[in-house]
Amino acid sequence: DIYRRYKKPIIILECGIGVDEKLNDNMSVDDDYRIDYFKNHLVEMKKAIEIDGVDCFGFLTWGPIDILSSQGEMKKRYGFIYVDRGETDFKDMKRYKKKSFHWFKKVIESNGEVLDL
């Protein structure tokens, strides 16, 4: 609707999902829900470009690593990289790649052509 109204190129900004997550025994997070969320958005974006002729020149997610929410909380996780810290306990702050990290890397490398794991 925005593109049809203004006929200006668009970029998708601030796309993301916040979920309460924990590291698994493999020091990762199996976040298939995040992969599905982004995959569905990218499929619809591709339809808008190819079918509706929308001039979309980019897609940006929220932060690539887990960041504080707008409420200043770490309960919900948003990134492709898990940061080992709690609400008040900073722990070691190490970073761990989530399953979605490896998926999104393939999406970027294929310029959005490969959306499956």
PDB file of N, CA and C in Angstrom:
ATOM      1  N   ASP A   1       0.811  -1.194   0.000  1.00  0.00           N
ATOM      2  CA  ASP A   1       0.000   0.000   0.000  1.00  0.00           C
ATOM      3  C   ASP A   1       0.860   1.266   0.000  1.00  0.00           C
ATOM      4  N   ILE A   2       1.922   1.251   0.792  1.00  0.00           N
ATOM      5  CA  ILE A   2       2.810   2.422   0.848  1.00  0.00           C
ATOM      6  C   ILE A   2       3.453   2.664  -0.516  1.00  0.00           C
ATOM      7  N   TYR A   3       3.926   1.591  -1.142  1.00  0.00           N
ATOM      8  CA  TYR A   3       4.569   1.753  -2.446  1.00  0.00           C
ATOM      9  C   TYR A   3       3.574   2.271  -3.482  1.00  0.00           C
ATOM     10  N   ARG A   4       2.385   1.696  -3.497  1.00  0.00           N
ATOM     11  CA  ARG A   4       1.373   2.144  -4.457  1.00  0.00           C
ATOM     12  C   ARG A   4       1.016   3.619  -4.253  1.00  0.00           C
ATOM     13  N   ARG A   5       0.978   4.038  -3.017  1.00  0.00           N
ATOM     14  CA  ARG A   5       0.583   5.415  -2.703  1.00  0.00           C
ATOM     15  C   ARG A   5       1.664   6.418  -3.115  1.00  0.00           C
ATOM     16  N   TYR A   6       2.921   6.134  -2.792  1.00  0.00           N
ATOM     17  CA  TYR A   6       3.979   7.132  -2.982  1.00  0.00           C
ATOM     18  C   TYR A   6       4.919   6.858  -4.153  1.00  0.00           C
ATOM     19  N   LYS A   7       4.916   5.635  -4.677  1.00  0.00           N
ATOM     20  CA  LYS A   7       5.781   5.263  -5.811  1.00  0.00           C
ATOM     21  C   LYS A   7       7.254   5.577  -5.556  1.00  0.00           C
ATOM     22  N   LYS A   8       7.688   5.312  -4.341  1.00  0.00           N
ATOM     23  CA  LYS A   8       9.094   5.499  -3.961  1.00  0.00           C
ATOM     24  C   LYS A   8       9.658   4.155  -3.522  1.00  0.00           C
ATOM     25  N   PRO A   9      10.932   3.895  -3.786  1.00  0.00           N
ATOM     26  CA  PRO A   9      11.544   2.640  -3.329  1.00  0.00           C
ATOM     27  C   PRO A   9      11.409   2.509  -1.807  1.00  0.00           C
ATOM     28  N   ILE A  10      11.251   1.273  -1.350  1.00  0.00           N
ATOM     29  CA  ILE A  10      11.110   1.039   0.081  1.00  0.00           C
ATOM     30  C   ILE A  10      12.175   0.073   0.589  1.00  0.00           C
ATOM     31  N   ILE A  11      12.372   0.095   1.882  1.00  0.00           N
ATOM     32  CA  ILE A  11      13.237  -0.855   2.563  1.00  0.00           C
ATOM     33  C   ILE A  11      12.471  -1.343   3.791  1.00  0.00           C
ATOM     34  N   ILE A  12      12.510  -2.632   4.028  1.00  0.00           N
ATOM     35  CA  ILE A  12      11.844  -3.210   5.193  1.00  0.00           C
ATOM     36  C   ILE A  12      12.772  -3.024   6.388  1.00  0.00           C
ATOM     37  N   LEU A  13      12.256  -2.384   7.436  1.00  0.00           N
ATOM     38  CA  LEU A  13      13.051  -2.096   8.635  1.00  0.00           C
ATOM     39  C   LEU A  13      12.444  -2.751   9.870  1.00  0.00           C
ATOM     40  N   GLU A  14      13.295  -3.019  10.844  1.00  0.00           N
ATOM     41  CA  GLU A  14      12.849  -3.429  12.172  1.00  0.00           C
ATOM     42  C   GLU A  14      11.965  -4.663  12.167  1.00  0.00           C
ATOM     43  N   CYS A  15      12.294  -5.644  11.368  1.00  0.00           N
ATOM     44  CA  CYS A  15      11.541  -6.887  11.352  1.00  0.00           C
ATOM     45  C   CYS A  15      12.183  -7.820  12.384  1.00  0.00           C
ATOM     46  N   GLY A  16      11.376  -8.426  13.230  1.00  0.00           N
ATOM     47  CA  GLY A  16      11.943  -9.335  14.205  1.00  0.00           C
ATOM     48  C   GLY A  16      10.904  -9.944  15.112  1.00  0.00           C
ATOM     49  N   ILE A  17      11.367 -10.873  15.923  1.00  0.00           N
ATOM     50  CA  ILE A  17      10.507 -11.578  16.863  1.00  0.00           C
ATOM     51  C   ILE A  17      11.266 -11.733  18.180  1.00  0.00           C
ATOM     52  N   GLY A  18      10.601 -11.433  19.266  1.00  0.00           N
ATOM     53  CA  GLY A  18      11.210 -11.561  20.585  1.00  0.00           C
ATOM     54  C   GLY A  18      10.653 -12.763  21.314  1.00  0.00           C
ATOM     55  N   VAL A  19      11.540 -13.647  21.787  1.00  0.00           N
ATOM     56  CA  VAL A  19      11.132 -14.895  22.425  1.00  0.00           C
ATOM     57  C   VAL A  19      12.010 -15.154  23.646  1.00  0.00           C
ATOM     58  N   ASP A  20      11.434 -15.700  24.693  1.00  0.00           N
ATOM     59  CA  ASP A  20      12.181 -16.120  25.877  1.00  0.00           C
ATOM     60  C   ASP A  20      12.965 -17.377  25.490  1.00  0.00           C
ATOM     61  N   GLU A  21      14.295 -17.286  25.457  1.00  0.00           N
ATOM     62  CA  GLU A  21      15.127 -18.398  24.983  1.00  0.00           C
ATOM     63  C   GLU A  21      16.207 -18.752  25.987  1.00  0.00           C
ATOM     64  N   LYS A  22      16.624 -20.009  25.932  1.00  0.00           N
ATOM     65  CA  LYS A  22      17.723 -20.514  26.765  1.00  0.00           C
ATOM     66  C   LYS A  22      18.673 -21.297  25.876  1.00  0.00           C
ATOM     67  N   LEU A  23      19.952 -21.319  26.255  1.00  0.00           N
ATOM     68  CA  LEU A  23      20.933 -22.140  25.546  1.00  0.00           C
ATOM     69  C   LEU A  23      20.623 -23.617  25.768  1.00  0.00           C
ATOM     70  N   ASN A  24      20.832 -24.421  24.733  1.00  0.00           N
ATOM     71  CA  ASN A  24      20.676 -25.861  24.884  1.00  0.00           C
ATOM     72  C   ASN A  24      22.035 -26.490  25.231  1.00  0.00           C
ATOM     73  N   ASP A  25      22.086 -27.803  25.314  1.00  0.00           N
ATOM     74  CA  ASP A  25      23.322 -28.501  25.680  1.00  0.00           C
ATOM     75  C   ASP A  25      24.437 -28.316  24.654  1.00  0.00           C
ATOM     76  N   ASN A  26      24.084 -27.977  23.433  1.00  0.00           N
ATOM     77  CA  ASN A  26      25.065 -27.743  22.367  1.00  0.00           C
ATOM     78  C   ASN A  26      25.531 -26.293  22.313  1.00  0.00           C
ATOM     79  N   MET A  27      25.158 -25.519  23.339  1.00  0.00           N
ATOM     80  CA  MET A  27      25.512 -24.096  23.415  1.00  0.00           C
ATOM     81  C   MET A  27      24.988 -23.334  22.197  1.00  0.00           C
ATOM     82  N   SER A  28      23.748 -23.598  21.878  1.00  0.00           N
ATOM     83  CA  SER A  28      23.065 -22.923  20.786  1.00  0.00           C
ATOM     84  C   SER A  28      21.594 -22.801  21.183  1.00  0.00           C
ATOM     85  N   VAL A  29      20.799 -22.265  20.277  1.00  0.00           N
ATOM     86  CA  VAL A  29      19.355 -22.171  20.464  1.00  0.00           C
ATOM     87  C   VAL A  29      18.717 -22.679  19.178  1.00  0.00           C
ATOM     88  N   ASP A  30      17.863 -23.690  19.301  1.00  0.00           N
ATOM     89  CA  ASP A  30      17.150 -24.204  18.134  1.00  0.00           C
ATOM     90  C   ASP A  30      15.892 -23.370  17.939  1.00  0.00           C
ATOM     91  N   ASP A  31      16.045 -22.263  17.243  1.00  0.00           N
ATOM     92  CA  ASP A  31      14.971 -21.279  17.092  1.00  0.00           C
ATOM     93  C   ASP A  31      14.282 -21.378  15.729  1.00  0.00           C
ATOM     94  N   ASP A  32      13.698 -22.549  15.480  1.00  0.00           N
ATOM     95  CA  ASP A  32      12.978 -22.750  14.227  1.00  0.00           C
ATOM     96  C   ASP A  32      11.838 -21.753  14.061  1.00  0.00           C
ATOM     97  N   TYR A  33      11.229 -21.310  15.146  1.00  0.00           N
ATOM     98  CA  TYR A  33      10.159 -20.320  15.099  1.00  0.00           C
ATOM     99  C   TYR A  33      10.660 -19.006  14.506  1.00  0.00           C
ATOM    100  N   ARG A  34      11.907 -18.625  14.789  1.00  0.00           N
ATOM    101  CA  ARG A  34      12.474 -17.399  14.229  1.00  0.00           C
ATOM    102  C   ARG A  34      12.727 -17.591  12.732  1.00  0.00           C
ATOM    103  N   ILE A  35      13.239 -18.751  12.369  1.00  0.00           N
ATOM    104  CA  ILE A  35      13.481 -19.055  10.954  1.00  0.00           C
ATOM    105  C   ILE A  35      12.163 -18.995  10.187  1.00  0.00           C
ATOM    106  N   ASP A  36      11.123 -19.631  10.723  1.00  0.00           N
ATOM    107  CA  ASP A  36       9.807 -19.600  10.064  1.00  0.00           C
ATOM    108  C   ASP A  36       9.277 -18.176   9.947  1.00  0.00           C
ATOM    109  N   TYR A  37       9.429 -17.411  10.999  1.00  0.00           N
ATOM    110  CA  TYR A  37       8.955 -16.022  11.010  1.00  0.00           C
ATOM    111  C   TYR A  37       9.609 -15.216   9.889  1.00  0.00           C
ATOM    112  N   PHE A  38      10.938 -15.278   9.807  1.00  0.00           N
ATOM    113  CA  PHE A  38      11.640 -14.517   8.780  1.00  0.00           C
ATOM    114  C   PHE A  38      11.390 -15.087   7.393  1.00  0.00           C
ATOM    115  N   LYS A  39      11.354 -16.396   7.280  1.00  0.00           N
ATOM    116  CA  LYS A  39      11.108 -17.020   5.981  1.00  0.00           C
ATOM    117  C   LYS A  39       9.765 -16.556   5.427  1.00  0.00           C
ATOM    118  N   ASN A  40       8.732 -16.562   6.263  1.00  0.00           N
ATOM    119  CA  ASN A  40       7.408 -16.121   5.812  1.00  0.00           C
ATOM    120  C   ASN A  40       7.427 -14.658   5.369  1.00  0.00           C
ATOM    121  N   HIS A  41       8.145 -13.820   6.088  1.00  0.00           N
ATOM    122  CA  HIS A  41       8.249 -12.411   5.691  1.00  0.00           C
ATOM    123  C   HIS A  41       8.979 -12.260   4.358  1.00  0.00           C
ATOM    124  N   LEU A  42      10.049 -13.011   4.189  1.00  0.00           N
ATOM    125  CA  LEU A  42      10.816 -12.910   2.943  1.00  0.00           C
ATOM    126  C   LEU A  42      10.034 -13.441   1.751  1.00  0.00           C
ATOM    127  N   VAL A  43       9.261 -14.497   1.954  1.00  0.00           N
ATOM    128  CA  VAL A  43       8.411 -15.021   0.876  1.00  0.00           C
ATOM    129  C   VAL A  43       7.408 -13.955   0.435  1.00  0.00           C
ATOM    130  N   GLU A  44       6.782 -13.287   1.392  1.00  0.00           N
ATOM    131  CA  GLU A  44       5.809 -12.251   1.056  1.00  0.00           C
ATOM    132  C   GLU A  44       6.477 -11.032   0.419  1.00  0.00           C
ATOM    133  N   MET A  45       7.679 -10.703   0.877  1.00  0.00           N
ATOM    134  CA  MET A  45       8.413  -9.590   0.276  1.00  0.00           C
ATOM    135  C   MET A  45       8.740  -9.914  -1.187  1.00  0.00           C
ATOM    136  N   LYS A  46       9.143 -11.150  -1.432  1.00  0.00           N
ATOM    137  CA  LYS A  46       9.467 -11.564  -2.798  1.00  0.00           C
ATOM    138  C   LYS A  46       8.225 -11.477  -3.697  1.00  0.00           C
ATOM    139  N   LYS A  47       7.065 -11.872  -3.172  1.00  0.00           N
ATOM    140  CA  LYS A  47       5.819 -11.750  -3.936  1.00  0.00           C
ATOM    141  C   LYS A  47       5.530 -10.286  -4.263  1.00  0.00           C
ATOM    142  N   ALA A  48       5.713  -9.415  -3.290  1.00  0.00           N
ATOM    143  CA  ALA A  48       5.463  -7.985  -3.514  1.00  0.00           C
ATOM    144  C   ALA A  48       6.362  -7.449  -4.620  1.00  0.00           C
ATOM    145  N   ILE A  49       7.601  -7.900  -4.644  1.00  0.00           N
ATOM    146  CA  ILE A  49       8.552  -7.442  -5.659  1.00  0.00           C
ATOM    147  C   ILE A  49       8.204  -8.013  -7.027  1.00  0.00           C
ATOM    148  N   GLU A  50       8.039  -9.352  -7.083  1.00  0.00           N
ATOM    149  CA  GLU A  50       7.871 -10.028  -8.375  1.00  0.00           C
ATOM    150  C   GLU A  50       6.451  -9.914  -8.944  1.00  0.00           C
ATOM    151  N   ILE A  51       5.455  -9.951  -8.101  1.00  0.00           N
ATOM    152  CA  ILE A  51       4.074  -9.932  -8.595  1.00  0.00           C
ATOM    153  C   ILE A  51       3.511  -8.508  -8.645  1.00  0.00           C
ATOM    154  N   ASP A  52       3.741  -7.766  -7.570  1.00  0.00           N
ATOM    155  CA  ASP A  52       3.152  -6.428  -7.478  1.00  0.00           C
ATOM    156  C   ASP A  52       4.066  -5.321  -7.992  1.00  0.00           C
ATOM    157  N   GLY A  53       5.323  -5.657  -8.292  1.00  0.00           N
ATOM    158  CA  GLY A  53       6.237  -4.662  -8.834  1.00  0.00           C
ATOM    159  C   GLY A  53       6.778  -3.657  -7.831  1.00  0.00           C
ATOM    160  N   VAL A  54       6.733  -4.004  -6.540  1.00  0.00           N
ATOM    161  CA  VAL A  54       7.243  -3.101  -5.505  1.00  0.00           C
ATOM    162  C   VAL A  54       8.759  -2.982  -5.635  1.00  0.00           C
ATOM    163  N   ASP A  55       9.257  -1.769  -5.591  1.00  0.00           N
ATOM    164  CA  ASP A  55      10.702  -1.512  -5.641  1.00  0.00           C
ATOM    165  C   ASP A  55      11.237  -1.538  -4.204  1.00  0.00           C
ATOM    166  N   CYS A  56      11.582  -2.731  -3.750  1.00  0.00           N
ATOM    167  CA  CYS A  56      12.098  -2.918  -2.391  1.00  0.00           C
ATOM    168  C   CYS A  56      13.590  -3.208  -2.490  1.00  0.00           C
ATOM    169  N   PHE A  57      14.399  -2.375  -1.864  1.00  0.00           N
ATOM    170  CA  PHE A  57      15.843  -2.520  -2.022  1.00  0.00           C
ATOM    171  C   PHE A  57      16.556  -3.022  -0.778  1.00  0.00           C
ATOM    172  N   GLY A  58      15.813  -3.465   0.224  1.00  0.00           N
ATOM    173  CA  GLY A  58      16.502  -3.991   1.393  1.00  0.00           C
ATOM    174  C   GLY A  58      15.567  -4.556   2.442  1.00  0.00           C
ATOM    175  N   PHE A  59      16.163  -5.324   3.342  1.00  0.00           N
ATOM    176  CA  PHE A  59      15.438  -5.974   4.431  1.00  0.00           C
ATOM    177  C   PHE A  59      16.356  -5.985   5.639  1.00  0.00           C
ATOM    178  N   LEU A  60      15.946  -5.311   6.701  1.00  0.00           N
ATOM    179  CA  LEU A  60      16.765  -5.254   7.913  1.00  0.00           C
ATOM    180  C   LEU A  60      16.009  -5.860   9.084  1.00  0.00           C
ATOM    181  N   THR A  61      16.712  -6.682   9.843  1.00  0.00           N
ATOM    182  CA  THR A  61      16.129  -7.251  11.048  1.00  0.00           C
ATOM    183  C   THR A  61      16.441  -6.331  12.220  1.00  0.00           C
ATOM    184  N   TRP A  62      15.894  -6.677  13.386  1.00  0.00           N
ATOM    185  CA  TRP A  62      16.324  -5.994  14.594  1.00  0.00           C
ATOM    186  C   TRP A  62      17.784  -6.363  14.787  1.00  0.00           C
ATOM    187  N   GLY A  63      18.374  -6.075  15.904  1.00  0.00           N
ATOM    188  CA  GLY A  63      19.790  -6.354  16.128  1.00  0.00           C
ATOM    189  C   GLY A  63      20.179  -7.788  15.841  1.00  0.00           C
ATOM    190  N   PRO A  64      21.358  -8.007  15.290  1.00  0.00           N
ATOM    191  CA  PRO A  64      21.813  -9.376  14.996  1.00  0.00           C
ATOM    192  C   PRO A  64      22.136 -10.174  16.267  1.00  0.00           C
ATOM    193  N   ILE A  65      22.424  -9.482  17.354  1.00  0.00           N
ATOM    194  CA  ILE A  65      22.662 -10.171  18.619  1.00  0.00           C
ATOM    195  C   ILE A  65      21.530  -9.832  19.585  1.00  0.00           C
ATOM    196  N   ASP A  66      21.371 -10.652  20.601  1.00  0.00           N
ATOM    197  CA  ASP A  66      20.359 -10.364  21.609  1.00  0.00           C
ATOM    198  C   ASP A  66      20.664  -9.030  22.261  1.00  0.00           C
ATOM    199  N   ILE A  67      19.665  -8.177  22.278  1.00  0.00           N
ATOM    200  CA  ILE A  67      19.807  -6.827  22.820  1.00  0.00           C
ATOM    201  C   ILE A  67      18.737  -6.592  23.879  1.00  0.00           C
ATOM    202  N   LEU A  68      18.922  -5.577  24.655  1.00  0.00           N
ATOM    203  CA  LEU A  68      17.902  -5.196  25.620  1.00  0.00           C
ATOM    204  C   LEU A  68      16.630  -4.789  24.889  1.00  0.00           C
ATOM    205  N   SER A  69      15.490  -5.169  25.438  1.00  0.00           N
ATOM    206  CA  SER A  69      14.228  -4.753  24.839  1.00  0.00           C
ATOM    207  C   SER A  69      13.995  -3.278  25.141  1.00  0.00           C
ATOM    208  N   SER A  70      12.942  -2.741  24.571  1.00  0.00           N
ATOM    209  CA  SER A  70      12.627  -1.344  24.829  1.00  0.00           C
ATOM    210  C   SER A  70      12.292  -1.111  26.301  1.00  0.00           C
ATOM    211  N   GLN A  71      11.983  -2.174  27.017  1.00  0.00           N
ATOM    212  CA  GLN A  71      11.717  -2.098  28.451  1.00  0.00           C
ATOM    213  C   GLN A  71      12.992  -2.286  29.279  1.00  0.00           C
ATOM    214  N   GLY A  72      14.142  -2.458  28.601  1.00  0.00           N
ATOM    215  CA  GLY A  72      15.411  -2.664  29.299  1.00  0.00           C
ATOM    216  C   GLY A  72      15.558  -4.060  29.867  1.00  0.00           C
ATOM    217  N   GLU A  73      14.868  -5.031  29.257  1.00  0.00           N
ATOM    218  CA  GLU A  73      14.888  -6.402  29.746  1.00  0.00           C
ATOM    219  C   GLU A  73      15.639  -7.321  28.789  1.00  0.00           C
ATOM    220  N   MET A  74      16.172  -8.417  29.329  1.00  0.00           N
ATOM    221  CA  MET A  74      16.817  -9.450  28.518  1.00  0.00           C
ATOM    222  C   MET A  74      15.961 -10.706  28.433  1.00  0.00           C
ATOM    223  N   LYS A  75      14.773 -10.686  29.007  1.00  0.00           N
ATOM    224  CA  LYS A  75      13.929 -11.881  28.997  1.00  0.00           C
ATOM    225  C   LYS A  75      13.644 -12.318  27.563  1.00  0.00           C
ATOM    226  N   LYS A  76      13.184 -11.399  26.741  1.00  0.00           N
ATOM    227  CA  LYS A  76      12.939 -11.721  25.339  1.00  0.00           C
ATOM    228  C   LYS A  76      14.233 -11.572  24.559  1.00  0.00           C
ATOM    229  N   ARG A  77      14.467 -12.523  23.670  1.00  0.00           N
ATOM    230  CA  ARG A  77      15.668 -12.523  22.837  1.00  0.00           C
ATOM    231  C   ARG A  77      15.253 -12.222  21.402  1.00  0.00           C
ATOM    232  N   TYR A  78      16.048 -11.409  20.714  1.00  0.00           N
ATOM    233  CA  TYR A  78      15.674 -10.943  19.382  1.00  0.00           C
ATOM    234  C   TYR A  78      16.653 -11.325  18.274  1.00  0.00           C
ATOM    235  N   GLY A  79      17.870 -11.655  18.611  1.00  0.00           N
ATOM    236  CA  GLY A  79      18.904 -11.796  17.601  1.00  0.00           C
ATOM    237  C   GLY A  79      19.143 -13.199  17.099  1.00  0.00           C
ATOM    238  N   PHE A  80      20.091 -13.288  16.192  1.00  0.00           N
ATOM    239  CA  PHE A  80      20.571 -14.559  15.654  1.00  0.00           C
ATOM    240  C   PHE A  80      21.726 -15.094  16.501  1.00  0.00           C
ATOM    241  N   ILE A  81      22.200 -14.276  17.413  1.00  0.00           N
ATOM    242  CA  ILE A  81      23.322 -14.629  18.282  1.00  0.00           C
ATOM    243  C   ILE A  81      22.888 -14.433  19.730  1.00  0.00           C
ATOM    244  N   TYR A  82      23.009 -15.496  20.507  1.00  0.00           N
ATOM    245  CA  TYR A  82      22.618 -15.478  21.915  1.00  0.00           C
ATOM    246  C   TYR A  82      23.719 -14.824  22.738  1.00  0.00           C
ATOM    247  N   VAL A  83      23.360 -13.906  23.626  1.00  0.00           N
ATOM    248  CA  VAL A  83      24.302 -13.289  24.544  1.00  0.00           C
ATOM    249  C   VAL A  83      24.032 -13.889  25.925  1.00  0.00           C
ATOM    250  N   ASP A  84      25.056 -14.494  26.511  1.00  0.00           N
ATOM    251  CA  ASP A  84      24.907 -15.177  27.794  1.00  0.00           C
ATOM    252  C   ASP A  84      24.906 -14.171  28.940  1.00  0.00           C
ATOM    253  N   ARG A  85      23.701 -13.697  29.234  1.00  0.00           N
ATOM    254  CA  ARG A  85      23.486 -12.811  30.369  1.00  0.00           C
ATOM    255  C   ARG A  85      22.018 -12.883  30.753  1.00  0.00           C
ATOM    256  N   GLY A  86      21.735 -12.505  31.965  1.00  0.00           N
ATOM    257  CA  GLY A  86      20.359 -12.511  32.438  1.00  0.00           C
ATOM    258  C   GLY A  86      19.861 -11.096  32.633  1.00  0.00           C
ATOM    259  N   GLU A  87      18.738 -10.995  33.323  1.00  0.00           N
ATOM    260  CA  GLU A  87      18.150  -9.681  33.601  1.00  0.00           C
ATOM    261  C   GLU A  87      19.105  -8.807  34.409  1.00  0.00           C
ATOM    262  N   THR A  88      19.625  -9.356  35.491  1.00  0.00           N
ATOM    263  CA  THR A  88      20.523  -8.591  36.364  1.00  0.00           C
ATOM    264  C   THR A  88      21.904  -9.219  36.475  1.00  0.00           C
ATOM    265  N   ASP A  89      22.017 -10.490  36.085  1.00  0.00           N
ATOM    266  CA  ASP A  89      23.296 -11.204  36.132  1.00  0.00           C
ATOM    267  C   ASP A  89      23.953 -11.133  34.752  1.00  0.00           C
ATOM    268  N   PHE A  90      25.082 -10.451  34.668  1.00  0.00           N
ATOM    269  CA  PHE A  90      25.752 -10.294  33.379  1.00  0.00           C
ATOM    270  C   PHE A  90      26.502 -11.544  32.935  1.00  0.00           C
ATOM    271  N   LYS A  91      26.623 -12.550  33.814  1.00  0.00           N
ATOM    272  CA  LYS A  91      27.287 -13.820  33.503  1.00  0.00           C
ATOM    273  C   LYS A  91      28.613 -13.543  32.799  1.00  0.00           C
ATOM    274  N   ASP A  92      28.919 -14.296  31.729  1.00  0.00           N
ATOM    275  CA  ASP A  92      30.198 -14.082  31.030  1.00  0.00           C
ATOM    276  C   ASP A  92      30.031 -13.275  29.740  1.00  0.00           C
ATOM    277  N   MET A  93      28.789 -12.989  29.348  1.00  0.00           N
ATOM    278  CA  MET A  93      28.483 -12.193  28.148  1.00  0.00           C
ATOM    279  C   MET A  93      29.000 -12.819  26.847  1.00  0.00           C
ATOM    280  N   LYS A  94      29.320 -14.115  26.857  1.00  0.00           N
ATOM    281  CA  LYS A  94      29.771 -14.778  25.635  1.00  0.00           C
ATOM    282  C   LYS A  94      28.636 -14.828  24.622  1.00  0.00           C
ATOM    283  N   ARG A  95      29.019 -14.907  23.357  1.00  0.00           N
ATOM    284  CA  ARG A  95      28.054 -14.968  22.265  1.00  0.00           C
ATOM    285  C   ARG A  95      28.028 -16.381  21.686  1.00  0.00           C
ATOM    286  N   TYR A  96      26.831 -16.854  21.356  1.00  0.00           N
ATOM    287  CA  TYR A  96      26.645 -18.182  20.780  1.00  0.00           C
ATOM    288  C   TYR A  96      25.705 -18.079  19.592  1.00  0.00           C
ATOM    289  N   LYS A  97      26.107 -18.643  18.465  1.00  0.00           N
ATOM    290  CA  LYS A  97      25.287 -18.589  17.255  1.00  0.00           C
ATOM    291  C   LYS A  97      24.071 -19.501  17.413  1.00  0.00           C
ATOM    292  N   LYS A  98      22.908 -18.957  17.119  1.00  0.00           N
ATOM    293  CA  LYS A  98      21.671 -19.729  17.135  1.00  0.00           C
ATOM    294  C   LYS A  98      21.515 -20.432  15.787  1.00  0.00           C
ATOM    295  N   LYS A  99      20.596 -21.381  15.734  1.00  0.00           N
ATOM    296  CA  LYS A  99      20.310 -22.071  14.481  1.00  0.00           C
ATOM    297  C   LYS A  99      19.946 -21.069  13.385  1.00  0.00           C
ATOM    298  N   SER A 100      19.201 -20.037  13.754  1.00  0.00           N
ATOM    299  CA  SER A 100      18.787 -19.026  12.784  1.00  0.00           C
ATOM    300  C   SER A 100      19.964 -18.257  12.197  1.00  0.00           C
ATOM    301  N   PHE A 101      21.078 -18.170  12.927  1.00  0.00           N
ATOM    302  CA  PHE A 101      22.272 -17.497  12.417  1.00  0.00           C
ATOM    303  C   PHE A 101      22.745 -18.182  11.137  1.00  0.00           C
ATOM    304  N   HIS A 102      22.863 -19.502  11.202  1.00  0.00           N
ATOM    305  CA  HIS A 102      23.355 -20.264  10.051  1.00  0.00           C
ATOM    306  C   HIS A 102      22.363 -20.207   8.892  1.00  0.00           C
ATOM    307  N   TRP A 103      21.067 -20.224   9.213  1.00  0.00           N
ATOM    308  CA  TRP A 103      20.048 -20.110   8.179  1.00  0.00           C
ATOM    309  C   TRP A 103      20.122 -18.738   7.501  1.00  0.00           C
ATOM    310  N   PHE A 104      20.164 -17.673   8.288  1.00  0.00           N
ATOM    311  CA  PHE A 104      20.167 -16.327   7.713  1.00  0.00           C
ATOM    312  C   PHE A 104      21.439 -16.062   6.915  1.00  0.00           C
ATOM    313  N   LYS A 105      22.548 -16.649   7.326  1.00  0.00           N
ATOM    314  CA  LYS A 105      23.802 -16.537   6.566  1.00  0.00           C
ATOM    315  C   LYS A 105      23.601 -17.090   5.149  1.00  0.00           C
ATOM    316  N   LYS A 106      22.929 -18.232   5.034  1.00  0.00           N
ATOM    317  CA  LYS A 106      22.647 -18.816   3.711  1.00  0.00           C
ATOM    318  C   LYS A 106      21.707 -17.921   2.901  1.00  0.00           C
ATOM    319  N   VAL A 107      20.736 -17.335   3.570  1.00  0.00           N
ATOM    320  CA  VAL A 107      19.809 -16.426   2.884  1.00  0.00           C
ATOM    321  C   VAL A 107      20.582 -15.243   2.303  1.00  0.00           C
ATOM    322  N   ILE A 108      21.452 -14.670   3.095  1.00  0.00           N
ATOM    323  CA  ILE A 108      22.233 -13.520   2.630  1.00  0.00           C
ATOM    324  C   ILE A 108      23.159 -13.919   1.492  1.00  0.00           C
ATOM    325  N   GLU A 109      23.867 -15.038   1.654  1.00  0.00           N
ATOM    326  CA  GLU A 109      24.807 -15.488   0.619  1.00  0.00           C
ATOM    327  C   GLU A 109      24.112 -15.777  -0.711  1.00  0.00           C
ATOM    328  N   SER A 110      22.844 -16.196  -0.649  1.00  0.00           N
ATOM    329  CA  SER A 110      22.109 -16.522  -1.876  1.00  0.00           C
ATOM    330  C   SER A 110      21.243 -15.358  -2.363  1.00  0.00           C
ATOM    331  N   ASN A 111      21.391 -14.199  -1.725  1.00  0.00           N
ATOM    332  CA  ASN A 111      20.578 -13.033  -2.061  1.00  0.00           C
ATOM    333  C   ASN A 111      19.084 -13.359  -1.971  1.00  0.00           C
ATOM    334  N   GLY A 112      18.728 -14.152  -0.975  1.00  0.00           N
ATOM    335  CA  GLY A 112      17.333 -14.480  -0.731  1.00  0.00           C
ATOM    336  C   GLY A 112      16.766 -15.606  -1.563  1.00  0.00           C
ATOM    337  N   GLU A 113      17.602 -16.256  -2.368  1.00  0.00           N
ATOM    338  CA  GLU A 113      17.105 -17.351  -3.206  1.00  0.00           C
ATOM    339  C   GLU A 113      16.949 -18.650  -2.427  1.00  0.00           C
ATOM    340  N   VAL A 114      17.790 -18.869  -1.404  1.00  0.00           N
ATOM    341  CA  VAL A 114      17.723 -20.087  -0.599  1.00  0.00           C
ATOM    342  C   VAL A 114      17.080 -19.733   0.734  1.00  0.00           C
ATOM    343  N   LEU A 115      15.847 -20.220   0.928  1.00  0.00           N
ATOM    344  CA  LEU A 115      15.129 -19.918   2.180  1.00  0.00           C
ATOM    345  C   LEU A 115      14.939 -21.154   3.053  1.00  0.00           C
ATOM    346  N   ASP A 116      15.336 -22.320   2.567  1.00  0.00           N
ATOM    347  CA  ASP A 116      15.230 -23.534   3.366  1.00  0.00           C
ATOM    348  C   ASP A 116      16.550 -23.802   4.065  1.00  0.00           C
ATOM    349  N   LEU A 117      16.471 -24.603   5.128  1.00  0.00           N
ATOM    350  CA  LEU A 117      17.687 -24.934   5.891  1.00  0.00           C
ATOM    351  C   LEU A 117      18.657 -25.755   5.085  1.00  0.00           C
TER     352      LEU A 117
END
